[in-house]
All heavy atoms as atom14 arrays in JSON, in Angstrom:
{
  "sequence": "FLLTDSQNNGRTDRMFLAIITLAVIGKATDALLGIAEKRAVR",
  "atom14_mask": [
    [1, 1, 1, 1, 1, 1, 1, 1, 1, 1, 1, 0, 0, 0],
    [1, 1, 1, 1, 1, 1, 1, 1, 0, 0, 0, 0, 0, 0],
    [1, 1, 1, 1, 1, 1, 1, 1, 0, 0, 0, 0, 0, 0],
    [1, 1, 1, 1, 1, 1, 1, 0, 0, 0, 0, 0, 0, 0],
    [1, 1, 1, 1, 1, 1, 1, 1, 0, 0, 0, 0, 0, 0],
    [1, 1, 1, 1, 1, 1, 0, 0, 0, 0, 0, 0, 0, 0],
    [1, 1, 1, 1, 1, 1, 1, 1, 1, 0, 0, 0, 0, 0],
    [1, 1, 1, 1, 1, 1, 1, 1, 0, 0, 0, 0, 0, 0],
    [1, 1, 1, 1, 1, 1, 1, 1, 0, 0, 0, 0, 0, 0],
    [1, 1, 1, 1, 0, 0, 0, 0, 0, 0, 0, 0, 0, 0],
    [1, 1, 1, 1, 1, 1, 1, 1, 1, 1, 1, 0, 0, 0],
    [1, 1, 1, 1, 1, 1, 1, 0, 0, 0, 0, 0, 0, 0],
    [1, 1, 1, 1, 1, 1, 1, 1, 0, 0, 0, 0, 0, 0],
    [1, 1, 1, 1, 1, 1, 1, 1, 1, 1, 1, 0, 0, 0],
    [1, 1, 1, 1, 1, 1, 1, 1, 0, 0, 0, 0, 0, 0],
    [1, 1, 1, 1, 1, 1, 1, 1, 1, 1, 1, 0, 0, 0],
    [1, 1, 1, 1, 1, 1, 1, 1, 0, 0, 0, 0, 0, 0],
    [1, 1, 1, 1, 1, 0, 0, 0, 0, 0, 0, 0, 0, 0],
    [1, 1, 1, 1, 1, 1, 1, 1, 0, 0, 0, 0, 0, 0],
    [1, 1, 1, 1, 1, 1, 1, 1, 0, 0, 0, 0, 0, 0],
    [1, 1, 1, 1, 1, 1, 1, 0, 0, 0, 0, 0, 0, 0],
    [1, 1, 1, 1, 1, 1, 1, 1, 0, 0, 0, 0, 0, 0],
    [1, 1, 1, 1, 1, 0, 0, 0, 0, 0, 0, 0, 0, 0],
    [1, 1, 1, 1, 1, 1, 1, 0, 0, 0, 0, 0, 0, 0],
    [1, 1, 1, 1, 1, 1, 1, 1, 0, 0, 0, 0, 0, 0],
    [1, 1, 1, 1, 0, 0, 0, 0, 0, 0, 0, 0, 0, 0],
    [1, 1, 1, 1, 1, 1, 1, 1, 1, 0, 0, 0, 0, 0],
    [1, 1, 1, 1, 1, 0, 0, 0, 0, 0, 0, 0, 0, 0],
    [1, 1, 1, 1, 1, 1, 1, 0, 0, 0, 0, 0, 0, 0],
    [1, 1, 1, 1, 1, 1, 1, 1, 0, 0, 0, 0, 0, 0],
    [1, 1, 1, 1, 1, 0, 0, 0, 0, 0, 0, 0, 0, 0],
    [1, 1, 1, 1, 1, 1, 1, 1, 0, 0, 0, 0, 0, 0],
    [1, 1, 1, 1, 1, 1, 1, 1, 0, 0, 0, 0, 0, 0],
    [1, 1, 1, 1, 0, 0, 0, 0, 0, 0, 0, 0, 0, 0],
    [1, 1, 1, 1, 1, 1, 1, 1, 0, 0, 0, 0, 0, 0],
    [1, 1, 1, 1, 1, 0, 0, 0, 0, 0, 0, 0, 0, 0],
    [1, 1, 1, 1, 1, 1, 1, 1, 1, 0, 0, 0, 0, 0],
    [1, 1, 1, 1, 1, 1, 1, 1, 1, 0, 0, 0, 0, 0],
    [1, 1, 1, 1, 1, 1, 1, 1, 1, 1, 1, 0, 0, 0],
    [1, 1, 1, 1, 1, 0, 0, 0, 0, 0, 0, 0, 0, 0],
    [1, 1, 1, 1, 1, 1, 1, 0, 0, 0, 0, 0, 0, 0],
    [1, 1, 1, 1, 1, 1, 1, 1, 1, 1, 1, 0, 0, 0]
  ],
  "atom14_positions": [
    [[-0.19, 26.04, -4.9], [-0.6, 27.25, -4.21], [-0.9, 28.38, -5.22], [-1.89, 29.09, -5.06], [0.49, 27.69, -3.24], [0.36, 29.09, -2.78], [-0.58, 29.41, -1.78], [1.11, 30.13, -3.32], [-0.75, 30.73, -1.36], [0.94, 31.42, -2.89], [0.0, 31.74, -1.92], [0.0, 0.0, 0.0], [0.0, 0.0, 0.0], [0.0, 0.0, 0.0]],
    [[-0.05, 28.49, -6.22], [-0.25, 29.54, -7.23], [-1.61, 29.35, -7.93], [-2.34, 30.34, -8.22], [0.86, 29.49, -8.28], [0.77, 30.47, -9.45], [0.77, 31.92, -8.96], [1.9, 30.22, -10.44], [0.0, 0.0, 0.0], [0.0, 0.0, 0.0], [0.0, 0.0, 0.0], [0.0, 0.0, 0.0], [0.0, 0.0, 0.0], [0.0, 0.0, 0.0]],
    [[-1.97, 28.1, -8.17], [-3.22, 27.79, -8.82], [-4.44, 28.21, -7.96], [-5.34, 28.91, -8.4], [-3.28, 26.3, -9.18], [-4.54, 25.79, -9.92], [-4.64, 26.41, -11.27], [-4.48, 24.25, -10.02], [0.0, 0.0, 0.0], [0.0, 0.0, 0.0], [0.0, 0.0, 0.0], [0.0, 0.0, 0.0], [0.0, 0.0, 0.0], [0.0, 0.0, 0.0]],
    [[-4.42, 27.78, -6.71], [-5.55, 28.09, -5.84], [-5.58, 29.57, -5.45], [-6.66, 30.16, -5.33], [-5.49, 27.18, -4.59], [-4.21, 27.32, -3.97], [-5.7, 25.75, -4.95], [0.0, 0.0, 0.0], [0.0, 0.0, 0.0], [0.0, 0.0, 0.0], [0.0, 0.0, 0.0], [0.0, 0.0, 0.0], [0.0, 0.0, 0.0], [0.0, 0.0, 0.0]],
    [[-4.42, 30.17, -5.22], [-4.38, 31.56, -4.88], [-4.87, 32.44, -6.02], [-5.59, 33.43, -5.82], [-2.95, 31.97, -4.5], [-2.82, 33.4, -4.08], [-3.39, 33.73, -3.01], [-2.17, 34.2, -4.75], [0.0, 0.0, 0.0], [0.0, 0.0, 0.0], [0.0, 0.0, 0.0], [0.0, 0.0, 0.0], [0.0, 0.0, 0.0], [0.0, 0.0, 0.0]],
    [[-4.53, 32.05, -7.26], [-5.0, 32.82, -8.43], [-6.53, 32.68, -8.56], [-7.18, 33.62, -8.98], [-4.3, 32.28, -9.67], [-2.89, 32.4, -9.55], [0.0, 0.0, 0.0], [0.0, 0.0, 0.0], [0.0, 0.0, 0.0], [0.0, 0.0, 0.0], [0.0, 0.0, 0.0], [0.0, 0.0, 0.0], [0.0, 0.0, 0.0], [0.0, 0.0, 0.0]],
    [[-7.04, 31.5, -8.25], [-8.5, 31.35, -8.3], [-9.17, 32.27, -7.31], [-10.19, 32.92, -7.59], [-8.88, 29.87, -8.0], [-10.37, 29.62, -8.0], [-10.7, 28.19, -7.49], [-9.87, 27.54, -6.9], [-11.92, 27.78, -7.68], [0.0, 0.0, 0.0], [0.0, 0.0, 0.0], [0.0, 0.0, 0.0], [0.0, 0.0, 0.0], [0.0, 0.0, 0.0]],
    [[-8.62, 32.32, -6.07], [-9.21, 33.16, -5.02], [-9.13, 34.62, -5.37], [-10.02, 35.43, -4.97], [-8.5, 32.92, -3.7], [-8.76, 31.49, -3.17], [-9.73, 30.86, -3.5], [-7.81, 30.98, -2.4], [0.0, 0.0, 0.0], [0.0, 0.0, 0.0], [0.0, 0.0, 0.0], [0.0, 0.0, 0.0], [0.0, 0.0, 0.0], [0.0, 0.0, 0.0]],
    [[-8.14, 35.05, -6.12], [-7.9, 36.45, -6.48], [-8.46, 36.81, -7.84], [-8.25, 37.97, -8.3], [-6.45, 36.81, -6.36], [-5.89, 36.72, -4.97], [-6.61, 37.12, -4.01], [-4.69, 36.24, -4.81], [0.0, 0.0, 0.0], [0.0, 0.0, 0.0], [0.0, 0.0, 0.0], [0.0, 0.0, 0.0], [0.0, 0.0, 0.0], [0.0, 0.0, 0.0]],
    [[-9.04, 35.85, -8.55], [-9.59, 36.13, -9.88], [-8.54, 36.34, -10.96], [-8.81, 36.98, -11.96], [0.0, 0.0, 0.0], [0.0, 0.0, 0.0], [0.0, 0.0, 0.0], [0.0, 0.0, 0.0], [0.0, 0.0, 0.0], [0.0, 0.0, 0.0], [0.0, 0.0, 0.0], [0.0, 0.0, 0.0], [0.0, 0.0, 0.0], [0.0, 0.0, 0.0]],
    [[-7.32, 35.82, -10.73], [-6.24, 35.97, -11.7], [-6.24, 34.73, -12.62], [-5.46, 33.81, -12.42], [-4.89, 36.11, -11.03], [-4.75, 37.42, -10.25], [-4.78, 38.63, -11.2], [-3.78, 38.56, -12.27], [-2.57, 39.06, -12.19], [-2.18, 39.68, -11.08], [-1.72, 38.97, -13.18], [0.0, 0.0, 0.0], [0.0, 0.0, 0.0], [0.0, 0.0, 0.0]],
    [[-7.15, 34.75, -13.63], [-7.26, 33.63, -14.51], [-5.99, 33.44, -15.35], [-5.62, 32.28, -15.69], [-8.46, 33.8, -15.49], [-9.56, 34.33, -14.76], [-8.83, 32.52, -16.11], [0.0, 0.0, 0.0], [0.0, 0.0, 0.0], [0.0, 0.0, 0.0], [0.0, 0.0, 0.0], [0.0, 0.0, 0.0], [0.0, 0.0, 0.0], [0.0, 0.0, 0.0]],
    [[-5.27, 34.51, -15.63], [-4.04, 34.39, -16.4], [-3.01, 33.58, -15.63], [-2.3, 32.72, -16.21], [-3.47, 35.79, -16.74], [-3.37, 36.72, -15.5], [-3.88, 36.33, -14.43], [-2.74, 37.79, -15.65], [0.0, 0.0, 0.0], [0.0, 0.0, 0.0], [0.0, 0.0, 0.0], [0.0, 0.0, 0.0], [0.0, 0.0, 0.0], [0.0, 0.0, 0.0]],
    [[-2.95, 33.8, -14.32], [-1.99, 33.01, -13.52], [-2.49, 31.57, -13.35], [-1.66, 30.66, -13.22], [-1.81, 33.67, -12.16], [-1.03, 34.98, -12.22], [-0.73, 35.54, -10.86], [0.05, 36.75, -10.95], [0.52, 37.43, -9.87], [0.24, 36.96, -8.66], [1.23, 38.53, -10.03], [0.0, 0.0, 0.0], [0.0, 0.0, 0.0], [0.0, 0.0, 0.0]],
    [[-3.81, 31.39, -13.3], [-4.32, 30.01, -13.26], [-3.88, 29.23, -14.48], [-3.38, 28.07, -14.37], [-5.84, 30.02, -13.16], [-6.39, 30.46, -11.83], [-8.22, 30.58, -11.83], [-8.63, 28.9, -12.28], [0.0, 0.0, 0.0], [0.0, 0.0, 0.0], [0.0, 0.0, 0.0], [0.0, 0.0, 0.0], [0.0, 0.0, 0.0], [0.0, 0.0, 0.0]],
    [[-4.03, 29.8, -15.66], [-3.61, 29.18, -16.88], [-2.08, 28.93, -16.87], [-1.58, 27.9, -17.32], [-3.98, 29.99, -18.13], [-5.34, 29.71, -18.62], [-6.48, 30.33, -18.09], [-5.55, 28.81, -19.67], [-7.75, 30.05, -18.55], [-6.83, 28.51, -20.14], [-7.92, 29.15, -19.59], [0.0, 0.0, 0.0], [0.0, 0.0, 0.0], [0.0, 0.0, 0.0]],
    [[-1.35, 29.92, -16.34], [0.13, 29.77, -16.26], [0.48, 28.55, -15.38], [1.35, 27.76, -15.72], [0.7, 31.03, -15.66], [2.21, 30.99, -15.33], [3.05, 30.7, -16.58], [2.62, 32.28, -14.66], [0.0, 0.0, 0.0], [0.0, 0.0, 0.0], [0.0, 0.0, 0.0], [0.0, 0.0, 0.0], [0.0, 0.0, 0.0], [0.0, 0.0, 0.0]],
    [[-0.2, 28.43, -14.24], [0.09, 27.28, -13.3], [-0.22, 25.98, -13.99], [0.54, 24.99, -13.91], [-0.7, 27.47, -12.04], [0.0, 0.0, 0.0], [0.0, 0.0, 0.0], [0.0, 0.0, 0.0], [0.0, 0.0, 0.0], [0.0, 0.0, 0.0], [0.0, 0.0, 0.0], [0.0, 0.0, 0.0], [0.0, 0.0, 0.0], [0.0, 0.0, 0.0]],
    [[-1.35, 25.89, -14.71], [-1.77, 24.65, -15.39], [-0.78, 24.29, -16.48], [-0.33, 23.1, -16.58], [-3.2, 24.8, -15.95], [-4.22, 24.92, -14.8], [-3.54, 23.56, -16.83], [-5.59, 25.28, -15.25], [0.0, 0.0, 0.0], [0.0, 0.0, 0.0], [0.0, 0.0, 0.0], [0.0, 0.0, 0.0], [0.0, 0.0, 0.0], [0.0, 0.0, 0.0]],
    [[-0.38, 25.26, -17.31], [0.56, 24.99, -18.39], [1.91, 24.61, -17.81], [2.55, 23.65, -18.34], [0.65, 26.26, -19.31], [-0.66, 26.45, -20.02], [1.81, 26.07, -20.27], [-0.74, 27.8, -20.74], [0.0, 0.0, 0.0], [0.0, 0.0, 0.0], [0.0, 0.0, 0.0], [0.0, 0.0, 0.0], [0.0, 0.0, 0.0], [0.0, 0.0, 0.0]],
    [[2.36, 25.26, -16.77], [3.64, 24.95, -16.16], [3.65, 23.5, -15.6], [4.61, 22.76, -15.77], [3.99, 25.95, -15.08], [3.97, 27.25, -15.6], [5.4, 25.67, -14.52], [0.0, 0.0, 0.0], [0.0, 0.0, 0.0], [0.0, 0.0, 0.0], [0.0, 0.0, 0.0], [0.0, 0.0, 0.0], [0.0, 0.0, 0.0], [0.0, 0.0, 0.0]],
    [[2.57, 23.15, -14.95], [2.44, 21.78, -14.42], [2.5, 20.76, -15.57], [3.18, 19.71, -15.45], [1.15, 21.6, -13.66], [1.11, 22.24, -12.25], [-0.3, 22.26, -11.69], [2.05, 21.46, -11.29], [0.0, 0.0, 0.0], [0.0, 0.0, 0.0], [0.0, 0.0, 0.0], [0.0, 0.0, 0.0], [0.0, 0.0, 0.0], [0.0, 0.0, 0.0]],
    [[1.85, 21.06, -16.66], [1.82, 20.14, -17.83], [3.21, 20.03, -18.41], [3.65, 18.89, -18.7], [0.82, 20.65, -18.85], [0.0, 0.0, 0.0], [0.0, 0.0, 0.0], [0.0, 0.0, 0.0], [0.0, 0.0, 0.0], [0.0, 0.0, 0.0], [0.0, 0.0, 0.0], [0.0, 0.0, 0.0], [0.0, 0.0, 0.0], [0.0, 0.0, 0.0]],
    [[3.88, 21.14, -18.61], [5.21, 21.1, -19.22], [6.25, 20.36, -18.36], [6.98, 19.51, -18.84], [5.71, 22.55, -19.53], [7.17, 22.54, -19.99], [4.85, 23.19, -20.63], [0.0, 0.0, 0.0], [0.0, 0.0, 0.0], [0.0, 0.0, 0.0], [0.0, 0.0, 0.0], [0.0, 0.0, 0.0], [0.0, 0.0, 0.0], [0.0, 0.0, 0.0]],
    [[6.26, 20.68, -17.07], [7.24, 20.04, -16.18], [6.89, 18.58, -16.0], [7.78, 17.71, -15.95], [7.24, 20.76, -14.78], [7.71, 22.21, -14.99], [8.22, 20.04, -13.85], [7.69, 23.02, -13.7], [0.0, 0.0, 0.0], [0.0, 0.0, 0.0], [0.0, 0.0, 0.0], [0.0, 0.0, 0.0], [0.0, 0.0, 0.0], [0.0, 0.0, 0.0]],
    [[5.61, 18.26, -15.91], [5.23, 16.85, -15.8], [5.65, 16.04, -17.02], [6.18, 14.93, -16.88], [0.0, 0.0, 0.0], [0.0, 0.0, 0.0], [0.0, 0.0, 0.0], [0.0, 0.0, 0.0], [0.0, 0.0, 0.0], [0.0, 0.0, 0.0], [0.0, 0.0, 0.0], [0.0, 0.0, 0.0], [0.0, 0.0, 0.0], [0.0, 0.0, 0.0]],
    [[5.48, 16.61, -18.23], [5.92, 15.94, -19.41], [7.46, 15.83, -19.47], [8.01, 14.79, -19.88], [5.4, 16.71, -20.64], [5.92, 16.16, -21.97], [5.54, 14.67, -22.15], [6.08, 14.11, -23.44], [5.85, 12.68, -23.54], [0.0, 0.0, 0.0], [0.0, 0.0, 0.0], [0.0, 0.0, 0.0], [0.0, 0.0, 0.0], [0.0, 0.0, 0.0]],
    [[8.16, 16.87, -19.03], [9.64, 16.84, -19.05], [10.19, 15.75, -18.1], [11.1, 15.0, -18.48], [10.18, 18.22, -18.67], [0.0, 0.0, 0.0], [0.0, 0.0, 0.0], [0.0, 0.0, 0.0], [0.0, 0.0, 0.0], [0.0, 0.0, 0.0], [0.0, 0.0, 0.0], [0.0, 0.0, 0.0], [0.0, 0.0, 0.0], [0.0, 0.0, 0.0]],
    [[9.61, 15.65, -16.9], [10.09, 14.63, -15.98], [9.72, 13.22, -16.49], [10.52, 12.27, -16.3], [9.5, 14.87, -14.59], [8.06, 15.0, -14.67], [10.04, 16.12, -13.97], [0.0, 0.0, 0.0], [0.0, 0.0, 0.0], [0.0, 0.0, 0.0], [0.0, 0.0, 0.0], [0.0, 0.0, 0.0], [0.0, 0.0, 0.0], [0.0, 0.0, 0.0]],
    [[8.57, 13.09, -17.1], [8.21, 11.78, -17.7], [9.16, 11.42, -18.83], [9.54, 10.26, -18.97], [6.78, 11.83, -18.2], [6.34, 10.54, -18.85], [6.12, 9.55, -18.1], [6.26, 10.5, -20.1], [0.0, 0.0, 0.0], [0.0, 0.0, 0.0], [0.0, 0.0, 0.0], [0.0, 0.0, 0.0], [0.0, 0.0, 0.0], [0.0, 0.0, 0.0]],
    [[9.56, 12.41, -19.63], [10.5, 12.12, -20.72], [11.87, 11.68, -20.16], [12.51, 10.74, -20.7], [10.67, 13.38, -21.57], [0.0, 0.0, 0.0], [0.0, 0.0, 0.0], [0.0, 0.0, 0.0], [0.0, 0.0, 0.0], [0.0, 0.0, 0.0], [0.0, 0.0, 0.0], [0.0, 0.0, 0.0], [0.0, 0.0, 0.0], [0.0, 0.0, 0.0]],
    [[12.32, 12.3, -19.05], [13.59, 11.86, -18.45], [13.47, 10.44, -17.94], [14.4, 9.64, -18.06], [13.93, 12.83, -17.3], [14.34, 14.24, -17.7], [14.56, 15.12, -16.46], [15.61, 14.23, -18.57], [0.0, 0.0, 0.0], [0.0, 0.0, 0.0], [0.0, 0.0, 0.0], [0.0, 0.0, 0.0], [0.0, 0.0, 0.0], [0.0, 0.0, 0.0]],
    [[12.35, 10.11, -17.34], [12.14, 8.74, -16.87], [12.05, 7.79, -18.03], [12.5, 6.62, -17.91], [10.89, 8.68, -16.0], [10.69, 7.42, -15.14], [11.89, 7.23, -14.19], [9.42, 7.57, -14.29], [0.0, 0.0, 0.0], [0.0, 0.0, 0.0], [0.0, 0.0, 0.0], [0.0, 0.0, 0.0], [0.0, 0.0, 0.0], [0.0, 0.0, 0.0]],
    [[11.51, 8.23, -19.14], [11.46, 7.37, -20.32], [12.85, 7.05, -20.89], [13.1, 5.92, -21.32], [0.0, 0.0, 0.0], [0.0, 0.0, 0.0], [0.0, 0.0, 0.0], [0.0, 0.0, 0.0], [0.0, 0.0, 0.0], [0.0, 0.0, 0.0], [0.0, 0.0, 0.0], [0.0, 0.0, 0.0], [0.0, 0.0, 0.0], [0.0, 0.0, 0.0]],
    [[13.78, 8.02, -20.82], [15.14, 7.78, -21.22], [15.82, 6.76, -20.31], [16.5, 5.85, -20.76], [15.95, 9.11, -21.17], [15.42, 10.04, -22.28], [17.44, 8.84, -21.39], [16.01, 11.45, -22.21], [0.0, 0.0, 0.0], [0.0, 0.0, 0.0], [0.0, 0.0, 0.0], [0.0, 0.0, 0.0], [0.0, 0.0, 0.0], [0.0, 0.0, 0.0]],
    [[15.56, 6.89, -19.0], [16.1, 5.92, -18.02], [15.53, 4.53, -18.29], [16.22, 3.5, -18.16], [15.8, 6.35, -16.61], [0.0, 0.0, 0.0], [0.0, 0.0, 0.0], [0.0, 0.0, 0.0], [0.0, 0.0, 0.0], [0.0, 0.0, 0.0], [0.0, 0.0, 0.0], [0.0, 0.0, 0.0], [0.0, 0.0, 0.0], [0.0, 0.0, 0.0]],
    [[14.24, 4.46, -18.69], [13.59, 3.2, -18.97], [14.27, 2.52, -20.16], [14.56, 1.29, -20.13], [12.13, 3.42, -19.3], [11.38, 2.14, -19.66], [9.93, 2.41, -20.02], [9.54, 3.58, -20.1], [9.19, 1.41, -20.25], [0.0, 0.0, 0.0], [0.0, 0.0, 0.0], [0.0, 0.0, 0.0], [0.0, 0.0, 0.0], [0.0, 0.0, 0.0]],
    [[14.56, 3.26, -21.23], [15.21, 2.66, -22.38], [16.57, 2.09, -22.05], [16.93, 1.02, -22.49], [15.31, 3.7, -23.52], [13.99, 4.1, -24.11], [14.16, 5.18, -25.19], [12.82, 5.58, -25.81], [12.99, 6.67, -26.81], [0.0, 0.0, 0.0], [0.0, 0.0, 0.0], [0.0, 0.0, 0.0], [0.0, 0.0, 0.0], [0.0, 0.0, 0.0]],
    [[17.32, 2.84, -21.28], [18.64, 2.33, -20.87], [18.57, 1.12, -19.97], [19.32, 0.14, -20.15], [19.4, 3.45, -20.14], [19.78, 4.63, -21.05], [20.51, 5.68, -20.26], [20.9, 6.8, -21.14], [21.53, 7.89, -20.77], [21.88, 8.01, -19.44], [21.85, 8.8, -21.61], [0.0, 0.0, 0.0], [0.0, 0.0, 0.0], [0.0, 0.0, 0.0]],
    [[17.57, 1.1, -19.07], [17.4, -0.06, -18.19], [16.98, -1.3, -18.96], [17.44, -2.39, -18.71], [16.4, 0.27, -17.07], [0.0, 0.0, 0.0], [0.0, 0.0, 0.0], [0.0, 0.0, 0.0], [0.0, 0.0, 0.0], [0.0, 0.0, 0.0], [0.0, 0.0, 0.0], [0.0, 0.0, 0.0], [0.0, 0.0, 0.0], [0.0, 0.0, 0.0]],
    [[16.07, -1.09, -19.91], [15.59, -2.23, -20.72], [16.74, -2.81, -21.54], [16.88, -4.03, -21.63], [14.45, -1.76, -21.62], [14.14, -2.86, -22.66], [13.21, -1.5, -20.79], [0.0, 0.0, 0.0], [0.0, 0.0, 0.0], [0.0, 0.0, 0.0], [0.0, 0.0, 0.0], [0.0, 0.0, 0.0], [0.0, 0.0, 0.0], [0.0, 0.0, 0.0]],
    [[17.58, -1.93, -22.1], [18.73, -2.46, -22.9], [19.74, -3.2, -21.98], [20.35, -4.18, -22.41], [19.45, -1.29, -23.56], [18.79, -0.75, -24.8], [19.73, 0.04, -25.65], [20.23, 1.24, -24.92], [19.68, 2.44, -25.02], [18.62, 2.65, -25.77], [20.22, 3.42, -24.35], [0.0, 0.0, 0.0], [0.0, 0.0, 0.0], [0.0, 0.0, 0.0]]
  ]
}
């Protein structure tokens, strides 16, 4: 919602913020799943 609402309101700074936040959280959750994968494989 923040991404699309920022687009509608011309807030490019918030658009970049939403994209970066999605990237960081997505990578963080993938890293946690990677830790679980290593333990499960062992």
